N, C-alpha and C. Protein backbone atom coordinates (compact mmCIF):
# COMPACT_ATOMS: atom_id res chain seq x y z
N UNK A 1 106.08 40.27 6.68
CA UNK A 1 105.09 41.10 6.05
C UNK A 1 105.65 41.62 4.73
N UNK A 2 104.87 41.59 3.69
CA UNK A 2 105.35 42.04 2.40
C UNK A 2 104.79 43.41 2.05
N UNK A 3 105.52 44.08 1.20
CA UNK A 3 105.13 45.41 0.75
C UNK A 3 104.10 45.27 -0.35
N UNK A 4 102.99 46.00 -0.28
CA UNK A 4 101.93 45.86 -1.27
C UNK A 4 101.60 47.15 -2.00
N UNK A 5 101.87 48.29 -1.40
CA UNK A 5 101.50 49.54 -2.04
C UNK A 5 102.74 50.28 -2.55
N UNK A 6 102.52 51.16 -3.52
CA UNK A 6 103.62 51.90 -4.13
C UNK A 6 103.85 53.20 -3.39
N UNK A 7 105.07 53.69 -3.42
CA UNK A 7 105.44 54.91 -2.73
C UNK A 7 105.44 56.08 -3.69
N UNK A 8 104.46 56.16 -4.55
CA UNK A 8 104.36 57.21 -5.57
C UNK A 8 103.46 58.31 -5.05
N UNK A 9 103.96 59.54 -5.02
CA UNK A 9 103.22 60.64 -4.42
C UNK A 9 102.24 61.31 -5.38
N UNK A 10 102.62 61.41 -6.65
CA UNK A 10 101.79 62.16 -7.59
C UNK A 10 100.77 61.26 -8.27
N UNK A 11 99.72 61.90 -8.80
CA UNK A 11 98.67 61.17 -9.51
C UNK A 11 99.17 60.81 -10.90
N UNK A 12 98.83 59.59 -11.34
CA UNK A 12 99.24 59.13 -12.66
C UNK A 12 98.03 58.58 -13.40
N UNK A 13 98.14 58.57 -14.71
CA UNK A 13 97.11 57.99 -15.55
C UNK A 13 97.35 56.48 -15.61
N UNK A 14 96.44 55.71 -15.04
CA UNK A 14 96.63 54.26 -14.94
C UNK A 14 96.65 53.58 -16.31
N UNK A 15 96.01 54.19 -17.30
CA UNK A 15 95.94 53.58 -18.63
C UNK A 15 97.25 53.73 -19.40
N UNK A 16 98.09 54.69 -19.01
CA UNK A 16 99.35 54.92 -19.71
C UNK A 16 100.57 54.55 -18.90
N UNK A 17 100.36 53.85 -17.79
CA UNK A 17 101.49 53.45 -16.94
C UNK A 17 101.48 51.95 -16.70
N UNK A 18 102.66 51.43 -16.43
CA UNK A 18 102.84 50.03 -16.04
C UNK A 18 103.70 50.00 -14.79
N UNK A 19 103.32 49.16 -13.84
CA UNK A 19 104.03 49.09 -12.57
C UNK A 19 104.60 47.70 -12.34
N UNK A 20 105.64 47.66 -11.53
CA UNK A 20 106.18 46.38 -11.08
C UNK A 20 106.81 46.59 -9.71
N UNK A 21 106.72 45.57 -8.89
CA UNK A 21 107.28 45.64 -7.54
C UNK A 21 107.96 44.31 -7.24
N UNK A 22 109.06 44.37 -6.53
CA UNK A 22 109.79 43.17 -6.14
C UNK A 22 110.08 43.28 -4.65
N UNK A 23 109.48 42.40 -3.88
CA UNK A 23 109.65 42.47 -2.44
C UNK A 23 110.78 41.55 -1.99
N UNK A 24 111.52 42.01 -1.01
CA UNK A 24 112.63 41.26 -0.43
C UNK A 24 113.61 40.75 -1.49
N UNK A 25 113.96 41.61 -2.41
CA UNK A 25 114.92 41.25 -3.45
C UNK A 25 116.30 41.10 -2.83
N UNK A 26 117.08 40.18 -3.36
CA UNK A 26 118.43 39.94 -2.86
C UNK A 26 119.34 41.04 -3.40
N UNK A 27 119.22 42.23 -2.84
CA UNK A 27 119.95 43.39 -3.32
C UNK A 27 120.25 44.33 -2.15
N UNK A 28 121.31 45.09 -2.30
CA UNK A 28 121.69 46.06 -1.29
C UNK A 28 120.81 47.30 -1.38
N UNK A 29 120.37 47.79 -0.24
CA UNK A 29 119.53 48.98 -0.22
C UNK A 29 120.29 50.22 -0.68
N UNK A 30 121.56 50.33 -0.30
CA UNK A 30 122.35 51.50 -0.68
C UNK A 30 122.51 51.58 -2.19
N UNK A 31 122.89 50.48 -2.82
CA UNK A 31 123.05 50.49 -4.27
C UNK A 31 121.70 50.64 -4.97
N UNK A 32 120.65 50.12 -4.36
CA UNK A 32 119.32 50.23 -4.96
C UNK A 32 118.87 51.69 -5.02
N UNK A 33 119.14 52.45 -3.95
CA UNK A 33 118.76 53.86 -3.97
C UNK A 33 119.58 54.63 -5.00
N UNK A 34 120.84 54.29 -5.14
CA UNK A 34 121.69 54.96 -6.14
C UNK A 34 121.22 54.64 -7.57
N UNK A 35 120.86 53.37 -7.82
CA UNK A 35 120.37 53.00 -9.15
C UNK A 35 119.03 53.67 -9.42
N UNK A 36 118.16 53.72 -8.42
CA UNK A 36 116.85 54.36 -8.59
C UNK A 36 117.02 55.83 -8.99
N UNK A 37 117.92 56.52 -8.32
CA UNK A 37 118.16 57.92 -8.65
C UNK A 37 118.71 58.07 -10.05
N UNK A 38 119.54 57.12 -10.46
CA UNK A 38 120.23 57.23 -11.74
C UNK A 38 119.31 56.93 -12.93
N UNK A 39 118.37 55.98 -12.79
CA UNK A 39 117.54 55.62 -13.94
C UNK A 39 116.23 56.40 -14.03
N UNK A 40 115.90 57.13 -12.98
CA UNK A 40 114.65 57.89 -12.98
C UNK A 40 114.67 58.96 -14.07
N UNK A 41 113.63 58.99 -14.89
CA UNK A 41 113.53 59.98 -15.96
C UNK A 41 114.13 59.54 -17.27
N UNK A 42 114.82 58.41 -17.31
CA UNK A 42 115.42 57.92 -18.54
C UNK A 42 114.44 57.01 -19.27
N UNK A 43 114.69 56.81 -20.56
CA UNK A 43 113.88 55.85 -21.30
C UNK A 43 114.27 54.45 -20.84
N UNK A 44 113.37 53.50 -21.05
CA UNK A 44 113.62 52.14 -20.59
C UNK A 44 114.81 51.54 -21.34
N UNK A 45 114.92 51.87 -22.62
CA UNK A 45 116.02 51.35 -23.42
C UNK A 45 117.36 51.86 -22.87
N UNK A 46 117.44 53.14 -22.55
CA UNK A 46 118.67 53.73 -22.01
C UNK A 46 118.97 53.17 -20.61
N UNK A 47 117.94 52.96 -19.80
CA UNK A 47 118.14 52.41 -18.46
C UNK A 47 118.68 50.99 -18.54
N UNK A 48 118.14 50.18 -19.46
CA UNK A 48 118.63 48.81 -19.62
C UNK A 48 120.07 48.80 -20.13
N UNK A 49 120.40 49.69 -21.06
CA UNK A 49 121.78 49.79 -21.56
C UNK A 49 122.73 50.16 -20.43
N UNK A 50 122.32 51.12 -19.62
CA UNK A 50 123.14 51.57 -18.50
C UNK A 50 123.41 50.41 -17.53
N UNK A 51 122.37 49.65 -17.20
CA UNK A 51 122.53 48.53 -16.27
C UNK A 51 123.36 47.41 -16.90
N UNK A 52 123.20 47.17 -18.19
CA UNK A 52 124.01 46.16 -18.89
C UNK A 52 125.48 46.57 -18.88
N UNK A 53 125.75 47.86 -19.09
CA UNK A 53 127.13 48.36 -19.07
C UNK A 53 127.77 48.19 -17.70
N UNK A 54 126.97 48.29 -16.65
CA UNK A 54 127.50 48.09 -15.30
C UNK A 54 127.88 46.62 -15.11
N UNK A 55 127.04 45.70 -15.60
CA UNK A 55 127.37 44.27 -15.44
C UNK A 55 128.61 43.90 -16.25
N UNK A 56 128.81 44.56 -17.39
CA UNK A 56 129.99 44.29 -18.21
C UNK A 56 131.19 45.13 -17.80
N UNK A 57 131.02 45.97 -16.80
CA UNK A 57 132.05 46.86 -16.25
C UNK A 57 132.59 47.85 -17.28
N UNK A 58 131.72 48.28 -18.20
CA UNK A 58 132.08 49.33 -19.14
C UNK A 58 131.79 50.71 -18.54
N UNK A 59 130.81 50.75 -17.65
CA UNK A 59 130.37 51.99 -17.01
C UNK A 59 130.18 51.69 -15.53
N UNK A 60 130.49 52.64 -14.66
CA UNK A 60 130.30 52.41 -13.23
C UNK A 60 129.03 53.08 -12.74
N UNK A 61 128.52 52.60 -11.62
CA UNK A 61 127.38 53.23 -10.98
C UNK A 61 127.90 54.40 -10.15
N UNK A 62 127.59 55.64 -10.55
CA UNK A 62 128.09 56.79 -9.77
C UNK A 62 127.44 56.83 -8.39
N UNK A 63 128.26 56.94 -7.38
CA UNK A 63 127.77 57.00 -6.00
C UNK A 63 127.81 58.45 -5.55
N UNK A 64 126.68 58.98 -5.17
CA UNK A 64 126.61 60.36 -4.71
C UNK A 64 126.25 60.46 -3.24
N UNK A 65 125.49 59.50 -2.74
CA UNK A 65 125.08 59.55 -1.34
C UNK A 65 125.97 58.67 -0.46
N UNK A 66 126.21 57.45 -0.90
CA UNK A 66 127.00 56.49 -0.11
C UNK A 66 128.37 56.33 -0.76
N UNK A 67 129.28 57.29 -0.52
CA UNK A 67 130.55 57.26 -1.23
C UNK A 67 131.77 57.31 -0.33
N UNK A 68 131.64 57.01 0.94
CA UNK A 68 132.79 57.02 1.81
C UNK A 68 133.72 55.85 1.49
N UNK A 69 135.00 56.15 1.39
CA UNK A 69 136.06 55.17 1.12
C UNK A 69 135.82 54.38 -0.16
N UNK A 70 135.32 55.04 -1.20
CA UNK A 70 135.09 54.40 -2.49
C UNK A 70 136.13 54.96 -3.46
N UNK A 71 136.88 54.11 -4.15
CA UNK A 71 137.91 54.60 -5.06
C UNK A 71 137.33 55.20 -6.34
N UNK A 72 138.15 55.98 -7.02
CA UNK A 72 137.74 56.57 -8.29
C UNK A 72 137.78 55.53 -9.39
N UNK A 73 136.97 55.75 -10.43
CA UNK A 73 136.90 54.85 -11.57
C UNK A 73 137.21 55.61 -12.84
N UNK A 74 137.70 54.87 -13.84
CA UNK A 74 137.94 55.48 -15.14
C UNK A 74 136.61 55.66 -15.86
N UNK A 75 136.57 56.59 -16.80
CA UNK A 75 135.38 56.74 -17.62
C UNK A 75 134.77 58.11 -17.50
N UNK A 76 133.73 58.28 -18.30
CA UNK A 76 133.05 59.57 -18.31
C UNK A 76 132.02 59.63 -17.20
N UNK A 77 131.56 60.83 -16.94
CA UNK A 77 130.55 61.01 -15.91
C UNK A 77 130.91 62.17 -15.00
N UNK A 78 129.92 62.63 -14.26
CA UNK A 78 130.14 63.76 -13.38
C UNK A 78 130.88 63.34 -12.12
N UNK A 79 130.57 62.16 -11.60
CA UNK A 79 131.24 61.69 -10.41
C UNK A 79 132.25 60.62 -10.78
N UNK A 80 133.40 60.68 -10.17
CA UNK A 80 134.44 59.71 -10.45
C UNK A 80 134.33 58.48 -9.56
N UNK A 81 133.65 58.62 -8.38
CA UNK A 81 133.53 57.49 -7.48
C UNK A 81 132.40 56.59 -7.93
N UNK A 82 132.63 55.29 -7.85
CA UNK A 82 131.58 54.37 -8.26
C UNK A 82 131.93 52.93 -7.99
N UNK A 83 130.95 52.07 -8.18
CA UNK A 83 131.10 50.64 -7.99
C UNK A 83 130.37 49.90 -9.10
N UNK A 84 130.47 48.56 -9.06
CA UNK A 84 129.81 47.68 -10.03
C UNK A 84 128.96 46.66 -9.27
N UNK A 85 127.82 47.05 -8.72
CA UNK A 85 127.01 46.12 -7.90
C UNK A 85 126.25 45.12 -8.78
N UNK A 86 126.74 43.90 -8.88
CA UNK A 86 126.20 42.92 -9.81
C UNK A 86 124.83 42.40 -9.39
N UNK A 87 124.66 42.02 -8.12
CA UNK A 87 123.39 41.44 -7.68
C UNK A 87 122.25 42.46 -7.76
N UNK A 88 122.53 43.70 -7.38
CA UNK A 88 121.51 44.73 -7.40
C UNK A 88 121.10 45.07 -8.83
N UNK A 89 122.07 45.13 -9.73
CA UNK A 89 121.78 45.41 -11.14
C UNK A 89 120.93 44.29 -11.73
N UNK A 90 121.24 43.06 -11.37
CA UNK A 90 120.47 41.92 -11.87
C UNK A 90 119.02 42.01 -11.40
N UNK A 91 118.81 42.38 -10.14
CA UNK A 91 117.45 42.52 -9.61
C UNK A 91 116.69 43.63 -10.33
N UNK A 92 117.37 44.74 -10.64
CA UNK A 92 116.71 45.84 -11.35
C UNK A 92 116.39 45.47 -12.79
N UNK A 93 117.27 44.71 -13.45
CA UNK A 93 116.99 44.27 -14.82
C UNK A 93 115.76 43.36 -14.85
N UNK A 94 115.63 42.46 -13.88
CA UNK A 94 114.45 41.61 -13.79
C UNK A 94 113.19 42.43 -13.54
N UNK A 95 113.31 43.45 -12.70
CA UNK A 95 112.17 44.32 -12.40
C UNK A 95 111.72 45.10 -13.63
N UNK A 96 112.67 45.61 -14.40
CA UNK A 96 112.33 46.35 -15.62
C UNK A 96 111.67 45.43 -16.64
N UNK A 97 112.16 44.18 -16.75
CA UNK A 97 111.55 43.21 -17.68
C UNK A 97 110.11 42.93 -17.27
N UNK A 98 109.85 42.80 -15.97
CA UNK A 98 108.50 42.56 -15.48
C UNK A 98 107.59 43.74 -15.80
N UNK A 99 108.08 44.95 -15.59
CA UNK A 99 107.28 46.14 -15.88
C UNK A 99 107.02 46.27 -17.38
N UNK A 100 108.00 45.91 -18.20
CA UNK A 100 107.80 45.94 -19.66
C UNK A 100 106.75 44.92 -20.09
N UNK A 101 106.76 43.76 -19.47
CA UNK A 101 105.75 42.75 -19.77
C UNK A 101 104.36 43.23 -19.37
N UNK A 102 104.27 43.91 -18.23
CA UNK A 102 103.00 44.47 -17.79
C UNK A 102 102.52 45.55 -18.77
N UNK A 103 103.45 46.35 -19.29
CA UNK A 103 103.10 47.39 -20.26
C UNK A 103 102.63 46.76 -21.56
N UNK A 104 103.28 45.70 -21.98
CA UNK A 104 102.89 44.99 -23.20
C UNK A 104 101.50 44.39 -23.04
N UNK A 105 101.20 43.86 -21.87
CA UNK A 105 99.88 43.29 -21.59
C UNK A 105 98.80 44.36 -21.65
N UNK A 106 99.13 45.58 -21.18
CA UNK A 106 98.17 46.69 -21.21
C UNK A 106 98.00 47.29 -22.61
N UNK A 107 98.91 46.94 -23.53
CA UNK A 107 98.82 47.46 -24.89
C UNK A 107 99.62 48.74 -25.10
N UNK A 108 100.57 49.03 -24.22
CA UNK A 108 101.40 50.22 -24.37
C UNK A 108 102.56 49.92 -25.31
N UNK A 109 103.08 50.96 -25.95
CA UNK A 109 104.24 50.80 -26.83
C UNK A 109 105.51 50.76 -25.97
N UNK A 110 106.22 49.64 -26.03
CA UNK A 110 107.38 49.46 -25.15
C UNK A 110 108.57 50.32 -25.56
N UNK A 111 108.61 50.79 -26.81
CA UNK A 111 109.72 51.64 -27.24
C UNK A 111 109.62 53.05 -26.67
N UNK A 112 108.42 53.47 -26.31
CA UNK A 112 108.20 54.84 -25.83
C UNK A 112 108.14 54.95 -24.32
N UNK A 113 108.44 53.88 -23.61
CA UNK A 113 108.32 53.90 -22.15
C UNK A 113 109.45 54.68 -21.49
N UNK A 114 109.09 55.42 -20.46
CA UNK A 114 110.03 56.22 -19.67
C UNK A 114 109.87 55.81 -18.21
N UNK A 115 110.98 55.75 -17.49
CA UNK A 115 110.94 55.43 -16.06
C UNK A 115 110.44 56.66 -15.32
N UNK A 116 109.19 56.61 -14.88
CA UNK A 116 108.56 57.73 -14.18
C UNK A 116 108.95 57.74 -12.71
N UNK A 117 109.02 56.55 -12.12
CA UNK A 117 109.24 56.46 -10.68
C UNK A 117 110.05 55.19 -10.39
N UNK A 118 111.07 55.31 -9.59
CA UNK A 118 111.85 54.16 -9.12
C UNK A 118 112.17 54.42 -7.64
N UNK A 119 111.98 53.40 -6.84
CA UNK A 119 112.14 53.58 -5.39
C UNK A 119 112.61 52.30 -4.75
N UNK A 120 113.42 52.42 -3.72
CA UNK A 120 113.89 51.26 -2.97
C UNK A 120 113.72 51.54 -1.48
N UNK A 121 113.26 50.54 -0.76
CA UNK A 121 113.14 50.66 0.69
C UNK A 121 113.68 49.39 1.34
N UNK A 122 113.89 49.45 2.63
CA UNK A 122 114.53 48.36 3.34
C UNK A 122 113.61 47.14 3.43
N UNK A 123 114.16 45.99 3.10
CA UNK A 123 113.40 44.75 3.17
C UNK A 123 113.72 43.98 4.44
N UNK A 124 113.22 42.77 4.47
CA UNK A 124 113.43 41.89 5.61
C UNK A 124 114.86 41.36 5.58
N UNK A 125 115.56 41.42 6.70
CA UNK A 125 116.93 40.90 6.74
C UNK A 125 116.91 39.46 7.22
N UNK A 126 117.47 38.59 6.40
CA UNK A 126 117.52 37.16 6.72
C UNK A 126 118.80 36.88 7.50
N UNK A 127 118.67 36.26 8.64
CA UNK A 127 119.82 35.98 9.49
C UNK A 127 120.41 34.62 9.13
N UNK A 128 121.72 34.56 9.10
CA UNK A 128 122.42 33.30 8.90
C UNK A 128 123.52 33.20 9.96
N UNK A 129 123.97 31.99 10.21
CA UNK A 129 124.97 31.78 11.25
C UNK A 129 126.26 31.27 10.62
N UNK A 130 127.36 31.94 10.93
CA UNK A 130 128.67 31.52 10.46
C UNK A 130 129.35 30.77 11.60
N UNK A 131 129.51 29.47 11.45
CA UNK A 131 130.08 28.68 12.54
C UNK A 131 131.60 28.88 12.58
N UNK A 132 132.13 28.85 13.78
CA UNK A 132 133.57 29.03 14.00
C UNK A 132 133.97 28.15 15.17
N UNK A 133 134.42 26.95 14.89
CA UNK A 133 134.88 26.09 15.96
C UNK A 133 133.74 25.47 16.75
N UNK A 134 134.07 25.03 17.96
CA UNK A 134 133.08 24.35 18.80
C UNK A 134 132.07 25.32 19.40
N UNK A 135 132.56 26.42 19.93
CA UNK A 135 131.70 27.30 20.71
C UNK A 135 131.35 28.57 19.95
N UNK A 136 132.35 29.19 19.35
CA UNK A 136 132.16 30.50 18.76
C UNK A 136 131.30 30.48 17.52
N UNK A 137 131.06 31.63 17.00
CA UNK A 137 130.27 31.79 15.79
C UNK A 137 129.73 33.20 15.74
N UNK A 138 129.19 33.54 14.62
CA UNK A 138 128.65 34.90 14.53
C UNK A 138 127.43 34.89 13.63
N UNK A 139 126.50 35.74 13.97
CA UNK A 139 125.29 35.89 13.16
C UNK A 139 125.52 36.98 12.13
N UNK A 140 125.06 36.73 10.94
CA UNK A 140 125.18 37.71 9.86
C UNK A 140 123.82 37.93 9.25
N UNK A 141 123.54 39.19 8.88
CA UNK A 141 122.27 39.52 8.25
C UNK A 141 122.47 39.64 6.75
N UNK A 142 121.65 38.93 5.97
CA UNK A 142 121.68 39.05 4.52
C UNK A 142 120.81 40.21 4.12
N UNK A 143 121.31 41.04 3.21
CA UNK A 143 120.59 42.24 2.82
C UNK A 143 119.44 41.92 1.87
N UNK A 144 118.38 42.68 1.99
CA UNK A 144 117.29 42.62 1.02
C UNK A 144 116.63 43.98 0.94
N UNK A 145 115.99 44.24 -0.18
CA UNK A 145 115.35 45.53 -0.38
C UNK A 145 114.06 45.34 -1.15
N UNK A 146 113.10 46.22 -0.90
CA UNK A 146 111.87 46.27 -1.70
C UNK A 146 112.14 47.22 -2.86
N UNK A 147 111.93 46.77 -4.08
CA UNK A 147 112.16 47.60 -5.26
C UNK A 147 110.83 47.83 -5.97
N UNK A 148 110.63 49.04 -6.44
CA UNK A 148 109.43 49.33 -7.21
C UNK A 148 109.77 50.26 -8.35
N UNK A 149 109.02 50.12 -9.44
CA UNK A 149 109.26 50.93 -10.63
C UNK A 149 107.92 51.19 -11.31
N UNK A 150 107.77 52.40 -11.84
CA UNK A 150 106.59 52.77 -12.62
C UNK A 150 107.07 53.31 -13.96
N UNK A 151 106.57 52.71 -15.03
CA UNK A 151 106.92 53.14 -16.40
C UNK A 151 105.72 53.85 -16.98
N UNK A 152 105.99 54.94 -17.69
CA UNK A 152 104.92 55.72 -18.32
C UNK A 152 105.22 55.87 -19.81
N UNK A 153 104.15 55.82 -20.59
CA UNK A 153 104.32 55.96 -22.03
C UNK A 153 104.58 57.43 -22.35
N UNK A 154 105.71 57.68 -23.03
CA UNK A 154 106.08 59.04 -23.39
C UNK A 154 105.56 59.41 -24.76
N UNK A 155 105.95 60.60 -25.20
CA UNK A 155 105.49 61.08 -26.50
C UNK A 155 106.47 60.76 -27.58
């Protein structure tokens, strides 16, 4: 079953917003929630720069909720603990590009867009089998998450 509706609680002006959703993205739910919290309220340009810096390992993703046994990182920021989740960042960059294309189609100015809403929820887990010898083996679940983003034209 795929996710079809957005988890946005407040009323928005449909003419000034652009939405995008990615179901069962190949991304970790934990890192997706951390990225959603981090980019919410930022301009799209700043959010893309932040995600690009994570892929280039210039800046780390600060972990505030899921930070057990995570080492400290060099650099500026309020939290010293962080990681560089490459697959999740790639999924979010694709999602932002899709939302920007939707905004362009609606006639919105892409330079003035602000991330109004970003949310991640648990997706379908795909099972795979790791074979080990004749008899043994183990099942492993591949992570996936539903990602959604709403961009709004700012002033």
